[in-house]
Amino acid sequence: MECPKCRNDVMPDPVGFTWWGGLIGSRLISHVECPACHARFNGKTGKDNTPAIAIYMVVVGLLSFGLLFAIMRS
């Protein structure tokens, strides 16, 4: 796969941990990093993962809020 930033044809490394997704989020959206320029992008499409990260964070936030609300009501 070609890196969308530096155009190097190198195999990107999977990102193991991120501040926004912990150990799970980066795997769910195929977040990878170019070993040459350290750009991070979607390993399947080669596109930027910012919209997917935003959606992931909103969903996790809503689920967390709902869980907290349910616990507080009981």
PDB file of N, CA and C in Angstrom:
ATOM      1  N   MET A   1       0.844  -1.179   0.000  1.00  0.00           N
ATOM      2  CA  MET A   1       0.000   0.000   0.000  1.00  0.00           C
ATOM      3  C   MET A   1       0.891   1.243   0.000  1.00  0.00           C
ATOM      4  N   GLU A   2       0.476   2.226  -0.730  1.00  0.00           N
ATOM      5  CA  GLU A   2       1.214   3.490  -0.822  1.00  0.00           C
ATOM      6  C   GLU A   2       0.723   4.462   0.238  1.00  0.00           C
ATOM      7  N   CYS A   3       1.659   5.119   0.917  1.00  0.00           N
ATOM      8  CA  CYS A   3       1.308   6.114   1.923  1.00  0.00           C
ATOM      9  C   CYS A   3       0.698   7.333   1.223  1.00  0.00           C
ATOM     10  N   PRO A   4      -0.445   7.832   1.688  1.00  0.00           N
ATOM     11  CA  PRO A   4      -1.067   8.984   1.035  1.00  0.00           C
ATOM     12  C   PRO A   4      -0.295  10.288   1.248  1.00  0.00           C
ATOM     13  N   LYS A   5       0.597  10.347   2.222  1.00  0.00           N
ATOM     14  CA  LYS A   5       1.343  11.573   2.496  1.00  0.00           C
ATOM     15  C   LYS A   5       2.677  11.612   1.757  1.00  0.00           C
ATOM     16  N   CYS A   6       3.504  10.590   1.957  1.00  0.00           N
ATOM     17  CA  CYS A   6       4.856  10.622   1.377  1.00  0.00           C
ATOM     18  C   CYS A   6       4.977   9.805   0.096  1.00  0.00           C
ATOM     19  N   ARG A   7       3.940   9.061  -0.247  1.00  0.00           N
ATOM     20  CA  ARG A   7       3.879   8.238  -1.463  1.00  0.00           C
ATOM     21  C   ARG A   7       4.908   7.105  -1.478  1.00  0.00           C
ATOM     22  N   ASN A   8       5.473   6.761  -0.318  1.00  0.00           N
ATOM     23  CA  ASN A   8       6.364   5.612  -0.230  1.00  0.00           C
ATOM     24  C   ASN A   8       5.543   4.345  -0.315  1.00  0.00           C
ATOM     25  N   ASP A   9       6.076   3.365  -1.016  1.00  0.00           N
ATOM     26  CA  ASP A   9       5.386   2.086  -1.145  1.00  0.00           C
ATOM     27  C   ASP A   9       5.936   1.124  -0.091  1.00  0.00           C
ATOM     28  N   VAL A  10       5.588   1.402   1.155  1.00  0.00           N
ATOM     29  CA  VAL A  10       6.042   0.571   2.270  1.00  0.00           C
ATOM     30  C   VAL A  10       4.827  -0.011   2.983  1.00  0.00           C
ATOM     31  N   MET A  11       5.036  -1.096   3.699  1.00  0.00           N
ATOM     32  CA  MET A  11       3.953  -1.727   4.439  1.00  0.00           C
ATOM     33  C   MET A  11       3.715  -0.943   5.730  1.00  0.00           C
ATOM     34  N   PRO A  12       2.518  -0.363   5.899  1.00  0.00           N
ATOM     35  CA  PRO A  12       2.238   0.400   7.117  1.00  0.00           C
ATOM     36  C   PRO A  12       2.105  -0.511   8.326  1.00  0.00           C
ATOM     37  N   ASP A  13       2.474   0.022   9.485  1.00  0.00           N
ATOM     38  CA  ASP A  13       2.384  -0.729  10.738  1.00  0.00           C
ATOM     39  C   ASP A  13       1.043  -0.454  11.413  1.00  0.00           C
ATOM     40  N   PRO A  14       0.378  -1.487  11.923  1.00  0.00           N
ATOM     41  CA  PRO A  14      -0.865  -1.250  12.674  1.00  0.00           C
ATOM     42  C   PRO A  14      -0.562  -0.442  13.941  1.00  0.00           C
ATOM     43  N   VAL A  15      -1.450   0.473  14.270  1.00  0.00           N
ATOM     44  CA  VAL A  15      -1.297   1.278  15.481  1.00  0.00           C
ATOM     45  C   VAL A  15      -1.927   0.487  16.621  1.00  0.00           C
ATOM     46  N   GLY A  16      -1.153   0.235  17.674  1.00  0.00           N
ATOM     47  CA  GLY A  16      -1.640  -0.584  18.775  1.00  0.00           C
ATOM     48  C   GLY A  16      -2.485   0.160  19.783  1.00  0.00           C
ATOM     49  N   PHE A  17      -2.090   1.380  20.143  1.00  0.00           N
ATOM     50  CA  PHE A  17      -2.797   2.134  21.170  1.00  0.00           C
ATOM     51  C   PHE A  17      -2.880   3.596  20.754  1.00  0.00           C
ATOM     52  N   THR A  18      -4.037   4.210  20.963  1.00  0.00           N
ATOM     53  CA  THR A  18      -4.214   5.635  20.703  1.00  0.00           C
ATOM     54  C   THR A  18      -4.929   6.265  21.882  1.00  0.00           C
ATOM     55  N   TRP A  19      -4.781   7.574  22.054  1.00  0.00           N
ATOM     56  CA  TRP A  19      -5.447   8.271  23.161  1.00  0.00           C
ATOM     57  C   TRP A  19      -6.952   8.301  22.972  1.00  0.00           C
ATOM     58  N   TRP A  20      -7.423   8.260  21.748  1.00  0.00           N
ATOM     59  CA  TRP A  20      -8.863   8.352  21.499  1.00  0.00           C
ATOM     60  C   TRP A  20      -9.548   7.000  21.490  1.00  0.00           C
ATOM     61  N   GLY A  21      -8.833   5.934  21.217  1.00  0.00           N
ATOM     62  CA  GLY A  21      -9.491   4.642  21.072  1.00  0.00           C
ATOM     63  C   GLY A  21      -8.924   3.528  21.920  1.00  0.00           C
ATOM     64  N   GLY A  22      -7.899   3.842  22.698  1.00  0.00           N
ATOM     65  CA  GLY A  22      -7.291   2.803  23.521  1.00  0.00           C
ATOM     66  C   GLY A  22      -6.732   1.679  22.666  1.00  0.00           C
ATOM     67  N   LEU A  23      -6.980   0.455  23.081  1.00  0.00           N
ATOM     68  CA  LEU A  23      -6.493  -0.707  22.339  1.00  0.00           C
ATOM     69  C   LEU A  23      -7.483  -1.197  21.293  1.00  0.00           C
ATOM     70  N   ILE A  24      -8.752  -0.802  21.431  1.00  0.00           N
ATOM     71  CA  ILE A  24      -9.796  -1.336  20.559  1.00  0.00           C
ATOM     72  C   ILE A  24     -10.099  -0.434  19.362  1.00  0.00           C
ATOM     73  N   GLY A  25     -10.199   0.874  19.589  1.00  0.00           N
ATOM     74  CA  GLY A  25     -10.631   1.806  18.551  1.00  0.00           C
ATOM     75  C   GLY A  25      -9.792   1.775  17.292  1.00  0.00           C
ATOM     76  N   SER A  26      -8.479   1.728  17.448  1.00  0.00           N
ATOM     77  CA  SER A  26      -7.611   1.746  16.271  1.00  0.00           C
ATOM     78  C   SER A  26      -7.757   0.476  15.440  1.00  0.00           C
ATOM     79  N   ARG A  27      -8.085  -0.624  16.088  1.00  0.00           N
ATOM     80  CA  ARG A  27      -8.286  -1.876  15.346  1.00  0.00           C
ATOM     81  C   ARG A  27      -9.628  -1.885  14.619  1.00  0.00           C
ATOM     82  N   LEU A  28     -10.635  -1.256  15.232  1.00  0.00           N
ATOM     83  CA  LEU A  28     -11.963  -1.235  14.608  1.00  0.00           C
ATOM     84  C   LEU A  28     -11.967  -0.474  13.289  1.00  0.00           C
ATOM     85  N   ILE A  29     -11.160   0.576  13.193  1.00  0.00           N
ATOM     86  CA  ILE A  29     -11.174   1.386  11.968  1.00  0.00           C
ATOM     87  C   ILE A  29      -9.911   1.215  11.126  1.00  0.00           C
ATOM     88  N   SER A  30      -9.134   0.169  11.392  1.00  0.00           N
ATOM     89  CA  SER A  30      -7.928  -0.155  10.605  1.00  0.00           C
ATOM     90  C   SER A  30      -6.936   1.002  10.564  1.00  0.00           C
ATOM     91  N   HIS A  31      -6.628   1.561  11.710  1.00  0.00           N
ATOM     92  CA  HIS A  31      -5.706   2.687  11.822  1.00  0.00           C
ATOM     93  C   HIS A  31      -4.267   2.182  11.705  1.00  0.00           C
ATOM     94  N   VAL A  32      -3.512   2.680  10.728  1.00  0.00           N
ATOM     95  CA  VAL A  32      -2.129   2.265  10.519  1.00  0.00           C
ATOM     96  C   VAL A  32      -1.222   3.492  10.436  1.00  0.00           C
ATOM     97  N   GLU A  33       0.088   3.237  10.554  1.00  0.00           N
ATOM     98  CA  GLU A  33       1.072   4.317  10.508  1.00  0.00           C
ATOM     99  C   GLU A  33       2.166   3.973   9.504  1.00  0.00           C
ATOM    100  N   CYS A  34       2.529   4.954   8.687  1.00  0.00           N
ATOM    101  CA  CYS A  34       3.609   4.796   7.721  1.00  0.00           C
ATOM    102  C   CYS A  34       4.945   4.817   8.474  1.00  0.00           C
ATOM    103  N   PRO A  35       5.798   3.811   8.282  1.00  0.00           N
ATOM    104  CA  PRO A  35       7.078   3.804   8.978  1.00  0.00           C
ATOM    105  C   PRO A  35       8.052   4.869   8.461  1.00  0.00           C
ATOM    106  N   ALA A  36       7.819   5.366   7.260  1.00  0.00           N
ATOM    107  CA  ALA A  36       8.725   6.363   6.690  1.00  0.00           C
ATOM    108  C   ALA A  36       8.448   7.776   7.197  1.00  0.00           C
ATOM    109  N   CYS A  37       7.168   8.211   7.157  1.00  0.00           N
ATOM    110  CA  CYS A  37       6.846   9.592   7.530  1.00  0.00           C
ATOM    111  C   CYS A  37       5.973   9.696   8.775  1.00  0.00           C
ATOM    112  N   HIS A  38       5.551   8.559   9.324  1.00  0.00           N
ATOM    113  CA  HIS A  38       4.718   8.478  10.535  1.00  0.00           C
ATOM    114  C   HIS A  38       3.316   9.067  10.365  1.00  0.00           C
ATOM    115  N   ALA A  39       2.859   9.169   9.128  1.00  0.00           N
ATOM    116  CA  ALA A  39       1.474   9.587   8.881  1.00  0.00           C
ATOM    117  C   ALA A  39       0.555   8.439   9.255  1.00  0.00           C
ATOM    118  N   ARG A  40      -0.607   8.785   9.813  1.00  0.00           N
ATOM    119  CA  ARG A  40      -1.583   7.761  10.191  1.00  0.00           C
ATOM    120  C   ARG A  40      -2.815   7.885   9.309  1.00  0.00           C
ATOM    121  N   PHE A  41      -3.323   6.722   8.877  1.00  0.00           N
ATOM    122  CA  PHE A  41      -4.446   6.705   7.947  1.00  0.00           C
ATOM    123  C   PHE A  41      -5.134   5.352   8.016  1.00  0.00           C
ATOM    124  N   ASN A  42      -6.221   5.185   7.252  1.00  0.00           N
ATOM    125  CA  ASN A  42      -6.964   3.938   7.201  1.00  0.00           C
ATOM    126  C   ASN A  42      -6.186   2.932   6.362  1.00  0.00           C
ATOM    127  N   GLY A  43      -5.904   1.776   6.926  1.00  0.00           N
ATOM    128  CA  GLY A  43      -5.120   0.767   6.230  1.00  0.00           C
ATOM    129  C   GLY A  43      -5.845   0.091   5.088  1.00  0.00           C
ATOM    130  N   LYS A  44      -7.169   0.146   5.064  1.00  0.00           N
ATOM    131  CA  LYS A  44      -7.938  -0.490   3.991  1.00  0.00           C
ATOM    132  C   LYS A  44      -8.147   0.454   2.817  1.00  0.00           C
ATOM    133  N   THR A  45      -8.467   1.723   3.111  1.00  0.00           N
ATOM    134  CA  THR A  45      -8.807   2.666   2.039  1.00  0.00           C
ATOM    135  C   THR A  45      -7.687   3.639   1.710  1.00  0.00           C
ATOM    136  N   GLY A  46      -6.772   3.883   2.648  1.00  0.00           N
ATOM    137  CA  GLY A  46      -5.714   4.870   2.441  1.00  0.00           C
ATOM    138  C   GLY A  46      -6.175   6.289   2.728  1.00  0.00           C
ATOM    139  N   LYS A  47      -7.422   6.452   3.173  1.00  0.00           N
ATOM    140  CA  LYS A  47      -7.964   7.783   3.453  1.00  0.00           C
ATOM    141  C   LYS A  47      -7.711   8.178   4.902  1.00  0.00           C
ATOM    142  N   ASP A  48      -7.949   9.455   5.192  1.00  0.00           N
ATOM    143  CA  ASP A  48      -7.816   9.988   6.537  1.00  0.00           C
ATOM    144  C   ASP A  48      -8.873   9.359   7.453  1.00  0.00           C
ATOM    145  N   ASN A  49      -8.499   9.070   8.691  1.00  0.00           N
ATOM    146  CA  ASN A  49      -9.425   8.450   9.635  1.00  0.00           C
ATOM    147  C   ASN A  49     -10.128   9.456  10.542  1.00  0.00           C
ATOM    148  N   THR A  50      -9.940  10.748  10.343  1.00  0.00           N
ATOM    149  CA  THR A  50     -10.530  11.740  11.237  1.00  0.00           C
ATOM    150  C   THR A  50     -12.055  11.621  11.352  1.00  0.00           C
ATOM    151  N   PRO A  51     -12.809  11.477  10.255  1.00  0.00           N
ATOM    152  CA  PRO A  51     -14.265  11.322  10.413  1.00  0.00           C
ATOM    153  C   PRO A  51     -14.632  10.053  11.188  1.00  0.00           C
ATOM    154  N   ALA A  52     -13.939   8.959  10.944  1.00  0.00           N
ATOM    155  CA  ALA A  52     -14.226   7.715  11.658  1.00  0.00           C
ATOM    156  C   ALA A  52     -13.879   7.848  13.141  1.00  0.00           C
ATOM    157  N   ILE A  53     -12.796   8.556  13.447  1.00  0.00           N
ATOM    158  CA  ILE A  53     -12.406   8.783  14.837  1.00  0.00           C
ATOM    159  C   ILE A  53     -13.473   9.614  15.543  1.00  0.00           C
ATOM    160  N   ALA A  54     -13.964  10.641  14.881  1.00  0.00           N
ATOM    161  CA  ALA A  54     -14.997  11.498  15.474  1.00  0.00           C
ATOM    162  C   ALA A  54     -16.267  10.693  15.752  1.00  0.00           C
ATOM    163  N   ILE A  55     -16.688   9.873  14.806  1.00  0.00           N
ATOM    164  CA  ILE A  55     -17.879   9.044  14.998  1.00  0.00           C
ATOM    165  C   ILE A  55     -17.653   8.059  16.139  1.00  0.00           C
ATOM    166  N   TYR A  56     -16.493   7.437  16.178  1.00  0.00           N
ATOM    167  CA  TYR A  56     -16.169   6.488  17.247  1.00  0.00           C
ATOM    168  C   TYR A  56     -16.241   7.168  18.612  1.00  0.00           C
ATOM    169  N   MET A  57     -15.672   8.364  18.722  1.00  0.00           N
ATOM    170  CA  MET A  57     -15.661   9.067  20.003  1.00  0.00           C
ATOM    171  C   MET A  57     -17.071   9.481  20.436  1.00  0.00           C
ATOM    172  N   VAL A  58     -17.902   9.910  19.494  1.00  0.00           N
ATOM    173  CA  VAL A  58     -19.283  10.287  19.822  1.00  0.00           C
ATOM    174  C   VAL A  58     -20.062   9.067  20.300  1.00  0.00           C
ATOM    175  N   VAL A  59     -19.929   7.947  19.609  1.00  0.00           N
ATOM    176  CA  VAL A  59     -20.644   6.730  19.997  1.00  0.00           C
ATOM    177  C   VAL A  59     -20.196   6.255  21.377  1.00  0.00           C
ATOM    178  N   VAL A  60     -18.901   6.221  21.615  1.00  0.00           N
ATOM    179  CA  VAL A  60     -18.390   5.796  22.924  1.00  0.00           C
ATOM    180  C   VAL A  60     -18.842   6.772  24.009  1.00  0.00           C
ATOM    181  N   GLY A  61     -18.832   8.065  23.727  1.00  0.00           N
ATOM    182  CA  GLY A  61     -19.291   9.065  24.691  1.00  0.00           C
ATOM    183  C   GLY A  61     -20.764   8.886  25.033  1.00  0.00           C
ATOM    184  N   LEU A  62     -21.598   8.660  24.023  1.00  0.00           N
ATOM    185  CA  LEU A  62     -23.025   8.452  24.262  1.00  0.00           C
ATOM    186  C   LEU A  62     -23.287   7.171  25.052  1.00  0.00           C
ATOM    187  N   LEU A  63     -22.570   6.102  24.710  1.00  0.00           N
ATOM    188  CA  LEU A  63     -22.713   4.859  25.460  1.00  0.00           C
ATOM    189  C   LEU A  63     -22.265   5.035  26.908  1.00  0.00           C
ATOM    190  N   SER A  64     -21.189   5.742  27.119  1.00  0.00           N
ATOM    191  CA  SER A  64     -20.696   5.992  28.479  1.00  0.00           C
ATOM    192  C   SER A  64     -21.688   6.835  29.268  1.00  0.00           C
ATOM    193  N   PHE A  65     -22.212   7.862  28.632  1.00  0.00           N
ATOM    194  CA  PHE A  65     -23.203   8.715  29.295  1.00  0.00           C
ATOM    195  C   PHE A  65     -24.452   7.917  29.646  1.00  0.00           C
ATOM    196  N   GLY A  66     -24.922   7.096  28.725  1.00  0.00           N
ATOM    197  CA  GLY A  66     -26.100   6.265  28.972  1.00  0.00           C
ATOM    198  C   GLY A  66     -25.877   5.279  30.107  1.00  0.00           C
ATOM    199  N   LEU A  67     -24.708   4.669  30.142  1.00  0.00           N
ATOM    200  CA  LEU A  67     -24.385   3.741  31.219  1.00  0.00           C
ATOM    201  C   LEU A  67     -24.317   4.463  32.554  1.00  0.00           C
ATOM    202  N   LEU A  68     -23.678   5.606  32.583  1.00  0.00           N
ATOM    203  CA  LEU A  68     -23.582   6.395  33.807  1.00  0.00           C
ATOM    204  C   LEU A  68     -24.977   6.831  34.276  1.00  0.00           C
ATOM    205  N   PHE A  69     -25.820   7.267  33.348  1.00  0.00           N
ATOM    206  CA  PHE A  69     -27.183   7.687  33.670  1.00  0.00           C
ATOM    207  C   PHE A  69     -27.981   6.521  34.242  1.00  0.00           C
ATOM    208  N   ALA A  70     -27.835   5.323  33.644  1.00  0.00           N
ATOM    209  CA  ALA A  70     -28.552   4.139  34.129  1.00  0.00           C
ATOM    210  C   ALA A  70     -28.093   3.749  35.529  1.00  0.00           C
ATOM    211  N   ILE A  71     -26.807   3.862  35.789  1.00  0.00           N
ATOM    212  CA  ILE A  71     -26.274   3.521  37.105  1.00  0.00           C
ATOM    213  C   ILE A  71     -26.761   4.532  38.148  1.00  0.00           C
ATOM    214  N   MET A  72     -26.790   5.788  37.796  1.00  0.00           N
ATOM    215  CA  MET A  72     -27.195   6.840  38.736  1.00  0.00           C
ATOM    216  C   MET A  72     -28.693   6.727  39.079  1.00  0.00           C
ATOM    217  N   ARG A  73     -29.501   6.250  38.148  1.00  0.00           N
ATOM    218  CA  ARG A  73     -30.944   6.138  38.382  1.00  0.00           C
ATOM    219  C   ARG A  73     -31.296   4.943  39.251  1.00  0.00           C
ATOM    220  N   SER A  74     -30.450   3.952  39.292  1.00  0.00           N
ATOM    221  CA  SER A  74     -30.794   2.742  40.075  1.00  0.00           C
ATOM    222  C   SER A  74     -30.358   2.856  41.520  1.00  0.00           C
TER     223      SER A  74
END
